[in-house]
Amino acid sequence: MNNYLQKLILTIRDKWVLFGGISLGLFLFILFFQPLPNRFQDLDNILIFNAGFGVIVMILLYISHLFSKVFGQQDKVVLSYFNGFIFFLLCSVAFSFYLRFVGGSIITYYSVLKIILLCLTPPVVLRIYRVIYDLRLENELLLKDNTSMHKRLQSISTMNLPVTIEFQSTDNASEASKFNLSDIILFNSADNYVEICYTEKNIIRKKLVRHTLTSIEHLLKPHDRFIRCHRTRIINTTYIEKVHFKVNSSYVLVKDLKEHIPVSRQYMLKLKEALSAQQG
C-alpha cells in the first residue's frame, strides 16, 4: 500500500508541469476571450468561474493518466487515442453541466460547438507532446548508438595501428629513433629539438631528436592516447595519475615523473574529453 501511494505521488509530481500548463493555458484563453457566456458580472466571480474550467481539465487529465497506468500493458498508440477520446467525452459533459448549473447559461448548439473545440485542445496538445517526447528519446538512443559505433570503430582501427613509431631527424634522414608507443610518456619542445621522455626497463629516460613538436603531433594523430596539452608538451594520457584543472593554473601529474605538466586553457577541453573517453 505504501509503495502504491509513493508511486501515485511521484506520478502526480512528474505530470504537474505538463497538466498544469495545459489547464492554465485553457483557463487564460477562456478568461481573455470569453467564448462561453455566464451570469456573473463582477471580476472576482468571473475569475473563480473561469478557474473552474481549468480545475476540471486538470482533474480529468490526471484521471485519464491513471487510467493509462492501469492498462499500461496494452497497445500504447491505441490506448493514447482511446484516452484522448474518453477525456474529450468527459470534458465535454463536465463543461456543459458546469456552464449550465454553475454559470447559469442556456446550452445552445453554438455553445456546445465551442465546448467541443475547447475540449479537443488538451488531447491534441498531449498527442503533440507525446510525439515530440518519443522523437527526443529516439534521437538520444540514436546518439548513444552512434557513440558506441564510433568507439568500436576507433578500437578496431587502433588494433591495426603499429605499436612502434620512428622519428627521422629533419637534418639527416639516415638518423632515426624508434620507440614503443606504450613506453613514451611525453614530448617536450626544446628549441629546435624535441625531448622524448620514455621508460626503459622501468627507468625513465630522455632523448633529444631533431624535430618540431607540430610535426610529431601530426605523426601521432592516429594514436588518440597522445594529446597536446600545452604549446610545448604532448602527453600520453595513459600515464596521467592526477589532474588539476583550474582557471589560472592547470596541470597534470604523471606516474613516476616528479614534475607538474602544464595544461593550457585552449587544450583543456580536448584533454578532458580524452580522459573521459579513456575512462569509458
Protein backbone atom coordinates (compact mmCIF):
# COMPACT_ATOMS: atom_id res chain seq x y z
CA MET A 1 0.00 0.00 0.00
CA ASN A 2 2.82 2.39 0.88
CA ASN A 3 4.59 1.62 -2.42
CA TYR A 4 1.39 2.30 -4.32
CA LEU A 5 0.94 5.68 -2.59
CA GLN A 6 4.58 6.56 -3.26
CA LYS A 7 4.21 5.76 -6.97
CA LEU A 8 0.99 7.79 -7.07
CA ILE A 9 2.73 10.81 -5.52
CA LEU A 10 5.64 10.52 -7.97
CA THR A 11 3.21 10.30 -10.89
CA ILE A 12 1.33 13.40 -9.76
CA ARG A 13 4.60 15.31 -9.28
CA ASP A 14 6.02 14.32 -12.67
CA LYS A 15 2.90 15.32 -14.58
CA TRP A 16 2.23 18.53 -12.63
CA VAL A 17 4.08 20.84 -15.02
CA LEU A 18 2.54 19.38 -18.19
CA PHE A 19 -1.05 19.08 -16.96
CA GLY A 20 -0.81 22.35 -15.05
CA GLY A 21 0.43 24.17 -18.17
CA ILE A 22 -2.44 22.82 -20.29
CA SER A 23 -5.03 23.73 -17.64
CA LEU A 24 -3.54 27.20 -17.14
CA GLY A 25 -3.47 27.84 -20.89
CA LEU A 26 -7.12 26.86 -21.28
CA PHE A 27 -8.10 28.98 -18.26
CA LEU A 28 -6.31 32.05 -19.68
CA PHE A 29 -7.89 31.53 -23.11
CA ILE A 30 -11.41 31.36 -21.64
CA LEU A 31 -10.68 34.33 -19.33
CA PHE A 32 -9.44 36.68 -22.06
CA PHE A 33 -11.67 35.66 -24.99
CA GLN A 34 -14.84 34.77 -23.01
CA PRO A 35 -16.10 32.20 -25.55
CA LEU A 36 -18.69 30.85 -23.11
CA PRO A 37 -21.45 33.04 -21.58
CA ASN A 38 -22.14 33.17 -17.82
CA ARG A 39 -24.35 35.00 -15.35
CA PHE A 40 -21.53 36.70 -13.42
CA GLN A 41 -20.79 40.41 -13.71
CA ASP A 42 -18.05 41.21 -11.16
CA LEU A 43 -14.41 40.34 -11.89
CA ASP A 44 -13.84 38.13 -8.84
CA ASN A 45 -16.71 35.78 -9.66
CA ILE A 46 -15.69 35.68 -13.33
CA LEU A 47 -12.15 34.68 -12.32
CA ILE A 48 -13.40 31.97 -9.98
CA PHE A 49 -15.88 30.67 -12.54
CA ASN A 50 -13.29 30.51 -15.35
CA ALA A 51 -10.77 28.89 -12.99
CA GLY A 52 -13.29 26.07 -12.60
CA PHE A 53 -12.74 25.08 -16.23
CA GLY A 54 -9.01 24.78 -15.56
CA VAL A 55 -9.66 22.65 -12.46
CA ILE A 56 -11.97 20.35 -14.44
CA VAL A 57 -9.31 19.87 -17.13
CA MET A 58 -6.62 19.20 -14.51
CA ILE A 59 -8.71 16.56 -12.70
CA LEU A 60 -9.73 14.79 -15.92
CA LEU A 61 -6.15 14.79 -17.20
CA TYR A 62 -4.98 13.04 -14.05
CA ILE A 63 -7.85 10.55 -14.22
CA SER A 64 -7.03 9.68 -17.85
CA HIS A 65 -3.35 9.38 -16.95
CA LEU A 66 -4.08 6.98 -14.06
CA PHE A 67 -6.34 5.03 -16.40
CA SER A 68 -3.46 4.62 -18.86
CA LYS A 69 -1.23 3.41 -15.99
CA VAL A 70 -3.75 0.71 -15.07
CA PHE A 71 -3.94 -0.52 -18.68
CA GLY A 72 -0.29 0.20 -19.46
CA GLN A 73 0.34 -3.25 -20.97
CA GLN A 74 -1.99 -2.56 -23.89
CA ASP A 75 -1.02 -1.06 -27.26
CA LYS A 76 0.24 2.39 -26.29
CA VAL A 77 -0.83 4.11 -29.52
CA VAL A 78 -4.38 2.71 -29.35
CA LEU A 79 -4.52 3.46 -25.62
CA SER A 80 -3.38 7.04 -26.24
CA TYR A 81 -6.19 7.70 -28.73
CA PHE A 82 -8.71 5.91 -26.50
CA ASN A 83 -7.68 8.05 -23.52
CA GLY A 84 -7.99 11.16 -25.64
CA PHE A 85 -11.48 10.15 -26.72
CA ILE A 86 -12.59 9.35 -23.15
CA PHE A 87 -11.13 12.65 -21.93
CA PHE A 88 -12.94 14.51 -24.71
CA LEU A 89 -16.32 12.95 -23.78
CA LEU A 90 -15.93 13.52 -20.03
CA CYS A 91 -14.64 17.04 -20.51
CA SER A 92 -17.49 17.97 -22.88
CA VAL A 93 -20.10 16.65 -20.42
CA ALA A 94 -18.40 18.31 -17.44
CA PHE A 95 -18.10 21.67 -19.23
CA SER A 96 -21.77 21.53 -20.29
CA PHE A 97 -23.01 20.77 -16.77
CA TYR A 98 -20.65 23.36 -15.26
CA LEU A 99 -21.79 26.03 -17.72
CA ARG A 100 -25.46 25.22 -17.18
CA PHE A 101 -25.68 24.77 -13.41
CA VAL A 102 -22.80 27.00 -12.19
CA GLY A 103 -22.65 29.59 -14.95
CA GLY A 104 -26.43 29.73 -15.29
CA SER A 105 -26.27 29.75 -19.09
CA ILE A 106 -28.63 28.13 -21.56
CA ILE A 107 -26.93 25.38 -23.54
CA THR A 108 -27.30 26.02 -27.27
CA TYR A 109 -25.87 24.30 -30.33
CA TYR A 110 -23.44 27.19 -30.72
CA SER A 111 -22.18 26.89 -27.12
CA VAL A 112 -21.89 23.09 -27.49
CA LEU A 113 -19.76 23.60 -30.61
CA LYS A 114 -17.42 25.92 -28.66
CA ILE A 115 -17.25 23.43 -25.77
CA ILE A 116 -16.29 20.67 -28.23
CA LEU A 117 -13.49 22.79 -29.69
CA LEU A 118 -12.21 23.70 -26.21
CA CYS A 119 -12.28 20.07 -25.03
CA LEU A 120 -10.40 18.92 -28.13
CA THR A 121 -7.44 21.15 -27.27
CA PRO A 122 -5.90 19.14 -24.34
CA PRO A 123 -5.85 15.76 -26.19
CA VAL A 124 -4.28 17.39 -29.26
CA VAL A 125 -1.63 19.13 -27.13
CA LEU A 126 -0.89 15.87 -25.27
CA ARG A 127 -0.57 13.97 -28.54
CA ILE A 128 1.87 16.55 -29.96
CA TYR A 129 3.84 16.45 -26.70
CA ARG A 130 3.97 12.65 -26.83
CA VAL A 131 5.22 12.64 -30.44
CA ILE A 132 7.95 15.18 -29.58
CA TYR A 133 8.90 13.18 -26.47
CA ASP A 134 9.15 9.91 -28.44
CA LEU A 135 11.24 11.61 -31.14
CA ARG A 136 13.57 13.02 -28.47
CA LEU A 137 14.02 9.56 -26.90
CA GLU A 138 14.65 8.02 -30.30
CA ASN A 139 17.21 10.74 -31.05
CA GLU A 140 19.01 10.06 -27.74
CA LEU A 141 19.12 6.33 -28.49
CA LEU A 142 20.50 7.01 -31.96
CA LEU A 143 23.16 9.29 -30.50
CA LYS A 144 24.15 6.59 -28.00
CA ASP A 145 24.31 4.00 -30.78
CA ASN A 146 26.38 6.39 -32.88
CA THR A 147 28.80 7.00 -30.00
CA SER A 148 29.07 3.28 -29.32
CA MET A 149 29.70 2.55 -33.01
CA HIS A 150 32.30 5.32 -33.17
CA LYS A 151 34.14 3.86 -30.17
CA ARG A 152 34.01 0.40 -31.71
CA LEU A 153 35.44 1.70 -34.98
CA GLN A 154 38.17 3.51 -33.06
CA SER A 155 39.08 0.34 -31.19
CA ILE A 156 39.19 -1.65 -34.44
CA SER A 157 41.35 0.97 -36.13
CA THR A 158 43.62 1.13 -33.07
CA MET A 159 44.18 -2.62 -33.25
CA ASN A 160 45.61 -2.21 -36.75
CA LEU A 161 47.95 0.65 -35.78
CA PRO A 162 51.65 -0.03 -35.32
CA VAL A 163 52.89 -0.40 -31.75
CA THR A 164 56.16 1.39 -32.54
CA ILE A 165 56.94 4.76 -34.05
CA GLU A 166 60.06 6.04 -35.73
CA PHE A 167 61.26 9.64 -35.74
CA GLN A 168 63.67 10.62 -38.51
CA SER A 169 65.87 13.64 -38.00
CA THR A 170 64.89 16.67 -40.07
CA ASP A 171 68.58 17.29 -40.80
CA ASN A 172 69.68 13.75 -41.56
CA ALA A 173 67.22 11.21 -42.98
CA SER A 174 69.50 8.34 -42.02
CA GLU A 175 69.25 9.33 -38.36
CA ALA A 176 66.18 7.68 -36.87
CA SER A 177 64.97 6.89 -33.38
CA LYS A 178 62.49 4.09 -32.80
CA PHE A 179 60.24 3.83 -29.74
CA ASN A 180 57.44 1.67 -28.46
CA LEU A 181 54.35 3.86 -28.24
CA SER A 182 53.41 2.38 -24.88
CA ASP A 183 56.80 3.44 -23.45
CA ILE A 184 56.56 7.11 -24.42
CA ILE A 185 55.40 9.36 -21.56
CA LEU A 186 55.54 12.79 -23.15
CA PHE A 187 57.19 15.04 -25.71
CA ASN A 188 58.70 18.33 -24.66
CA SER A 189 59.68 21.08 -27.08
CA ALA A 190 63.28 22.24 -26.64
CA ASP A 191 64.16 24.98 -29.14
CA ASN A 192 64.92 23.17 -32.44
CA TYR A 193 64.70 19.79 -30.81
CA VAL A 194 62.04 17.68 -29.13
CA GLU A 195 62.81 15.88 -25.91
CA ILE A 196 61.18 12.45 -25.71
CA CYS A 197 60.55 11.19 -22.20
CA TYR A 198 60.10 7.41 -22.14
CA THR A 199 60.51 4.38 -19.93
CA GLU A 200 63.04 1.63 -20.50
CA LYS A 201 63.17 -1.30 -18.10
CA ASN A 202 61.14 0.71 -15.56
CA ILE A 203 63.66 3.58 -15.74
CA ILE A 204 62.63 6.98 -17.08
CA ARG A 205 64.95 8.16 -19.83
CA LYS A 206 65.09 11.22 -22.09
CA LYS A 207 66.29 11.64 -25.64
CA LEU A 208 66.58 14.62 -27.97
CA VAL A 209 65.53 14.32 -31.59
CA ARG A 210 65.87 16.93 -34.31
CA HIS A 211 62.17 17.58 -34.91
CA THR A 212 59.36 20.03 -34.30
CA LEU A 213 56.51 19.39 -31.91
CA THR A 214 53.98 20.17 -34.64
CA SER A 215 55.39 17.51 -36.97
CA ILE A 216 55.39 14.97 -34.15
CA GLU A 217 51.79 15.87 -33.32
CA HIS A 218 50.91 15.15 -36.95
CA LEU A 219 52.64 11.75 -36.78
CA LEU A 220 50.77 10.88 -33.59
CA LYS A 221 47.36 11.89 -34.92
CA PRO A 222 46.10 8.28 -35.40
CA HIS A 223 47.02 7.48 -31.78
CA ASP A 224 44.34 9.14 -29.65
CA ARG A 225 46.18 8.46 -26.40
CA PHE A 226 48.62 11.29 -27.24
CA ILE A 227 47.12 14.73 -26.58
CA ARG A 228 48.71 18.13 -26.85
CA CYS A 229 48.18 19.82 -23.50
CA HIS A 230 50.44 22.84 -23.95
CA ARG A 231 52.22 24.60 -26.79
CA THR A 232 55.41 22.86 -25.59
CA ARG A 233 54.01 19.48 -24.46
CA ILE A 234 52.34 16.39 -25.88
CA ILE A 235 51.40 13.83 -23.25
CA ASN A 236 50.45 10.17 -23.21
CA THR A 237 47.15 10.14 -21.31
CA THR A 238 47.66 6.58 -20.07
CA TYR A 239 50.45 7.85 -17.82
CA ILE A 240 48.38 10.60 -16.20
CA GLU A 241 47.97 9.92 -12.49
CA LYS A 242 46.25 13.09 -11.30
CA VAL A 243 44.65 16.13 -12.89
CA HIS A 244 44.34 19.62 -11.50
CA PHE A 245 42.10 21.87 -13.60
CA LYS A 246 41.74 25.49 -12.54
CA VAL A 247 41.23 28.71 -14.46
CA ASN A 248 44.69 30.16 -13.87
CA SER A 249 46.84 27.12 -13.10
CA SER A 250 46.03 23.76 -14.64
CA TYR A 251 48.42 20.86 -14.66
CA VAL A 252 48.64 17.06 -14.62
CA LEU A 253 50.84 14.70 -12.66
CA VAL A 254 52.48 11.80 -14.44
CA LYS A 255 53.39 8.44 -12.92
CA ASP A 256 56.97 8.31 -11.62
CA LEU A 257 57.69 11.77 -13.03
CA LYS A 258 58.11 14.37 -10.30
CA GLU A 259 57.02 17.38 -12.26
CA HIS A 260 53.83 19.31 -12.98
CA ILE A 261 52.95 19.15 -16.68
CA PRO A 262 51.22 22.44 -17.55
CA VAL A 263 47.85 22.47 -19.34
CA SER A 264 46.85 25.50 -21.41
CA ARG A 265 43.26 26.66 -21.45
CA GLN A 266 43.00 26.17 -25.22
CA TYR A 267 43.87 22.43 -24.82
CA MET A 268 41.99 21.82 -21.56
CA LEU A 269 38.69 20.73 -23.14
CA LYS A 270 40.39 18.34 -25.54
CA LEU A 271 42.36 16.76 -22.70
CA LYS A 272 39.21 16.36 -20.57
CA GLU A 273 37.41 14.65 -23.45
CA ALA A 274 40.34 12.28 -23.99
CA LEU A 275 40.46 11.36 -20.30
CA SER A 276 36.69 10.79 -20.21
CA ALA A 277 36.87 8.55 -23.28
CA GLN A 278 39.77 6.64 -21.75
CA GLN A 279 37.78 6.00 -18.55
CA GLY A 280 34.97 4.54 -20.60
